[in-house]
Structures are given as structure tokens and as C-alpha cells.
Amino acid sequence: MQILDAHKRVVCNIVWEVYKKAVLSRPAVPGKNCDYLDTEGNALARFDSKRLVLHRDLPEPMRTLIVASPVAFDLEDGA
């Protein structure tokens, strides 16, 4: 998953933990935790279920998009 800015440029990549690995005909089940990585693979932030931790100061619009993303995750899940 990626976060894009208004110009459709990649701001960062989101890598979700796997809760359950794929087995035979059942697909993998994504976990509730994820890491935010810049385009070079460096850690920017971590989301642990309900808590977002930024690893360093981030420039705009990256900061706002990352901080707002957990709200989008909840809306996507039907919260």
C-alpha cells in the first residue's frame, strides 16, 4: 500500500504485518500493525492497532498524510 500526495507522487509505503500466513487455499490475513517507510525503505512511523508513533520530524504533506491515515483505515473497515 502507498500514500500519494495531491500530484500522485509516492509519499511513503505502508507495510502491514501478516497476522496469519497463507495456507493452502486460504489467503494471508493482514494484521492490525504496519510500518511506514520512505521510498528508500527507511522507517518513518509505526502504527500499532490504535497508536501511531512517528520516528522523526516529517515534512509536509508527508506528516499530515501519515497522521490522517489511521482514520482512513478505520473508515475503510466500516468504523
N, C-alpha and C. Protein backbone atom coordinates (compact mmCIF):
# COMPACT_ATOMS: atom_id res chain seq x y z
N MET A 1 0.85 -1.15 0.00
CA MET A 1 0.00 0.00 0.00
C MET A 1 0.91 1.23 0.00
N GLN A 2 0.43 2.28 -0.63
CA GLN A 2 1.21 3.52 -0.70
C GLN A 2 0.34 4.71 -0.36
N ILE A 3 0.97 5.76 0.15
CA ILE A 3 0.30 7.04 0.34
C ILE A 3 0.83 7.97 -0.74
N LEU A 4 -0.10 8.60 -1.46
CA LEU A 4 0.25 9.51 -2.56
C LEU A 4 -0.12 10.93 -2.19
N ASP A 5 0.63 11.90 -2.70
CA ASP A 5 0.28 13.30 -2.48
C ASP A 5 -0.72 13.74 -3.55
N ALA A 6 -1.07 15.02 -3.55
CA ALA A 6 -2.07 15.54 -4.49
C ALA A 6 -1.64 15.41 -5.95
N HIS A 7 -0.34 15.27 -6.18
CA HIS A 7 0.18 15.13 -7.54
C HIS A 7 0.43 13.67 -7.92
N LYS A 8 -0.09 12.75 -7.09
CA LYS A 8 0.02 11.30 -7.31
C LYS A 8 1.46 10.80 -7.21
N ARG A 9 2.28 11.52 -6.44
CA ARG A 9 3.65 11.06 -6.17
C ARG A 9 3.64 10.25 -4.88
N VAL A 10 4.44 9.21 -4.85
CA VAL A 10 4.51 8.37 -3.65
C VAL A 10 5.15 9.15 -2.51
N VAL A 11 4.42 9.26 -1.41
CA VAL A 11 4.92 9.92 -0.21
C VAL A 11 5.63 8.88 0.67
N CYS A 12 4.99 7.72 0.81
CA CYS A 12 5.61 6.63 1.57
C CYS A 12 4.90 5.32 1.27
N ASN A 13 5.53 4.24 1.68
CA ASN A 13 4.97 2.90 1.53
C ASN A 13 4.50 2.43 2.90
N ILE A 14 3.40 1.68 2.91
CA ILE A 14 2.89 1.11 4.15
C ILE A 14 3.02 -0.40 4.04
N VAL A 15 3.70 -0.99 5.01
CA VAL A 15 3.92 -2.44 5.02
C VAL A 15 3.18 -3.01 6.22
N TRP A 16 2.14 -3.80 5.94
CA TRP A 16 1.33 -4.41 7.00
C TRP A 16 1.95 -5.72 7.47
N GLU A 17 1.87 -5.95 8.77
CA GLU A 17 2.29 -7.24 9.31
C GLU A 17 1.25 -8.28 8.91
N VAL A 18 1.69 -9.52 8.81
CA VAL A 18 0.78 -10.61 8.49
C VAL A 18 0.36 -11.27 9.79
N TYR A 19 -0.96 -11.35 10.03
CA TYR A 19 -1.49 -11.96 11.23
C TYR A 19 -1.46 -13.49 11.10
N LYS A 20 -1.93 -13.96 9.96
CA LYS A 20 -1.91 -15.39 9.66
C LYS A 20 -1.35 -15.57 8.26
N LYS A 21 -0.40 -16.46 8.11
CA LYS A 21 0.18 -16.73 6.80
C LYS A 21 -0.79 -17.51 5.93
N ALA A 22 -0.60 -17.39 4.63
CA ALA A 22 -1.44 -18.13 3.69
C ALA A 22 -1.18 -19.62 3.86
N VAL A 23 -2.27 -20.39 3.87
CA VAL A 23 -2.17 -21.84 3.99
C VAL A 23 -3.08 -22.47 2.94
N LEU A 24 -2.49 -23.29 2.10
CA LEU A 24 -3.22 -23.98 1.02
C LEU A 24 -4.14 -23.01 0.29
N SER A 25 -5.44 -23.15 0.45
CA SER A 25 -6.36 -22.32 -0.33
C SER A 25 -6.79 -21.05 0.41
N ARG A 26 -6.33 -20.86 1.64
CA ARG A 26 -6.71 -19.67 2.39
C ARG A 26 -5.65 -18.58 2.25
N PRO A 27 -6.08 -17.36 1.91
CA PRO A 27 -5.11 -16.26 1.75
C PRO A 27 -4.59 -15.79 3.11
N ALA A 28 -3.51 -15.04 3.09
CA ALA A 28 -2.96 -14.46 4.31
C ALA A 28 -3.96 -13.45 4.89
N VAL A 29 -3.96 -13.34 6.20
CA VAL A 29 -4.82 -12.37 6.89
C VAL A 29 -3.92 -11.23 7.38
N PRO A 30 -4.19 -10.01 6.93
CA PRO A 30 -3.33 -8.90 7.37
C PRO A 30 -3.53 -8.61 8.85
N GLY A 31 -2.46 -8.16 9.48
CA GLY A 31 -2.53 -7.78 10.88
C GLY A 31 -3.04 -6.36 11.04
N LYS A 32 -3.04 -5.88 12.27
CA LYS A 32 -3.51 -4.52 12.54
C LYS A 32 -2.35 -3.54 12.71
N ASN A 33 -1.13 -4.02 12.58
CA ASN A 33 0.04 -3.18 12.75
C ASN A 33 0.73 -2.97 11.41
N CYS A 34 1.32 -1.79 11.23
CA CYS A 34 2.04 -1.53 9.99
C CYS A 34 3.20 -0.57 10.22
N ASP A 35 4.12 -0.59 9.29
CA ASP A 35 5.26 0.32 9.29
C ASP A 35 5.15 1.23 8.08
N TYR A 36 5.53 2.48 8.28
CA TYR A 36 5.57 3.46 7.20
C TYR A 36 7.03 3.62 6.82
N LEU A 37 7.33 3.44 5.55
CA LEU A 37 8.70 3.51 5.06
C LEU A 37 8.78 4.55 3.95
N ASP A 38 9.89 5.29 3.91
CA ASP A 38 10.06 6.22 2.80
C ASP A 38 10.38 5.42 1.54
N THR A 39 10.55 6.10 0.44
CA THR A 39 10.76 5.40 -0.84
C THR A 39 12.10 4.67 -0.91
N GLU A 40 12.98 4.94 0.07
CA GLU A 40 14.26 4.25 0.13
C GLU A 40 14.26 3.12 1.17
N GLY A 41 13.10 2.91 1.82
CA GLY A 41 12.98 1.83 2.80
C GLY A 41 13.31 2.21 4.23
N ASN A 42 13.52 3.49 4.51
CA ASN A 42 13.82 3.94 5.88
C ASN A 42 12.53 4.10 6.67
N ALA A 43 12.56 3.70 7.95
CA ALA A 43 11.37 3.78 8.80
C ALA A 43 11.00 5.23 9.10
N LEU A 44 9.71 5.53 8.94
CA LEU A 44 9.19 6.86 9.23
C LEU A 44 8.28 6.84 10.45
N ALA A 45 7.45 5.79 10.55
CA ALA A 45 6.47 5.70 11.62
C ALA A 45 6.01 4.26 11.77
N ARG A 46 5.29 4.02 12.87
CA ARG A 46 4.73 2.69 13.13
C ARG A 46 3.33 2.87 13.70
N PHE A 47 2.40 2.08 13.18
CA PHE A 47 1.02 2.08 13.68
C PHE A 47 0.77 0.74 14.35
N ASP A 48 0.51 0.78 15.67
CA ASP A 48 0.20 -0.42 16.45
C ASP A 48 -1.26 -0.40 16.83
N SER A 49 -2.09 -0.94 15.99
CA SER A 49 -3.53 -1.04 16.24
C SER A 49 -4.21 0.31 16.42
N LYS A 50 -3.94 0.98 17.50
CA LYS A 50 -4.62 2.24 17.82
C LYS A 50 -3.66 3.39 18.08
N ARG A 51 -2.36 3.15 17.95
CA ARG A 51 -1.39 4.19 18.30
C ARG A 51 -0.40 4.39 17.15
N LEU A 52 -0.20 5.63 16.76
CA LEU A 52 0.75 5.97 15.71
C LEU A 52 1.96 6.64 16.34
N VAL A 53 3.15 6.13 16.05
CA VAL A 53 4.39 6.68 16.58
C VAL A 53 5.25 7.14 15.41
N LEU A 54 5.54 8.44 15.37
CA LEU A 54 6.43 8.97 14.34
C LEU A 54 7.86 8.82 14.83
N HIS A 55 8.75 8.33 13.97
CA HIS A 55 10.13 8.09 14.36
C HIS A 55 11.01 9.34 14.26
N ARG A 56 10.53 10.36 13.56
CA ARG A 56 11.29 11.60 13.42
C ARG A 56 10.36 12.69 12.90
N ASP A 57 10.85 13.93 12.88
CA ASP A 57 10.07 15.02 12.29
C ASP A 57 9.92 14.75 10.81
N LEU A 58 8.72 14.97 10.30
CA LEU A 58 8.45 14.71 8.89
C LEU A 58 8.00 15.98 8.20
N PRO A 59 8.41 16.17 6.95
CA PRO A 59 7.98 17.36 6.20
C PRO A 59 6.52 17.22 5.77
N GLU A 60 5.91 18.36 5.51
CA GLU A 60 4.56 18.36 4.94
C GLU A 60 4.66 18.11 3.44
N PRO A 61 3.73 17.45 2.79
CA PRO A 61 2.48 16.93 3.31
C PRO A 61 2.61 15.53 3.92
N MET A 62 3.82 14.97 3.94
CA MET A 62 4.01 13.61 4.44
C MET A 62 3.47 13.45 5.86
N ARG A 63 3.77 14.39 6.73
CA ARG A 63 3.33 14.29 8.13
C ARG A 63 1.81 14.22 8.23
N THR A 64 1.13 15.15 7.58
CA THR A 64 -0.33 15.18 7.64
C THR A 64 -0.94 13.91 7.06
N LEU A 65 -0.43 13.44 5.94
CA LEU A 65 -0.98 12.24 5.31
C LEU A 65 -0.78 11.01 6.20
N ILE A 66 0.38 10.89 6.83
CA ILE A 66 0.63 9.75 7.70
C ILE A 66 -0.24 9.83 8.95
N VAL A 67 -0.33 11.02 9.55
CA VAL A 67 -1.14 11.17 10.76
C VAL A 67 -2.62 10.90 10.47
N ALA A 68 -3.10 11.27 9.29
CA ALA A 68 -4.51 11.06 8.94
C ALA A 68 -4.81 9.63 8.50
N SER A 69 -3.81 8.87 8.13
CA SER A 69 -4.06 7.54 7.57
C SER A 69 -4.77 6.56 8.51
N PRO A 70 -4.51 6.54 9.84
CA PRO A 70 -5.27 5.63 10.69
C PRO A 70 -6.79 5.90 10.65
N VAL A 71 -7.18 7.15 10.47
CA VAL A 71 -8.60 7.47 10.34
C VAL A 71 -9.14 6.82 9.08
N ALA A 72 -8.38 6.90 8.00
CA ALA A 72 -8.79 6.26 6.74
C ALA A 72 -8.89 4.75 6.90
N PHE A 73 -7.97 4.15 7.66
CA PHE A 73 -8.03 2.69 7.89
C PHE A 73 -9.32 2.33 8.60
N ASP A 74 -9.70 3.11 9.63
CA ASP A 74 -10.95 2.84 10.36
C ASP A 74 -12.16 2.99 9.46
N LEU A 75 -12.17 4.03 8.63
CA LEU A 75 -13.30 4.23 7.72
C LEU A 75 -13.40 3.09 6.72
N GLU A 76 -12.26 2.61 6.26
CA GLU A 76 -12.25 1.51 5.30
C GLU A 76 -12.80 0.23 5.92
N ASP A 77 -12.57 0.04 7.23
CA ASP A 77 -13.06 -1.14 7.94
C ASP A 77 -14.52 -1.00 8.34
N GLY A 78 -15.12 0.13 8.05
CA GLY A 78 -16.53 0.33 8.36
C GLY A 78 -16.79 0.89 9.75
N ALA A 79 -15.78 1.50 10.34
CA ALA A 79 -15.96 2.06 11.70
C ALA A 79 -16.83 3.29 11.68
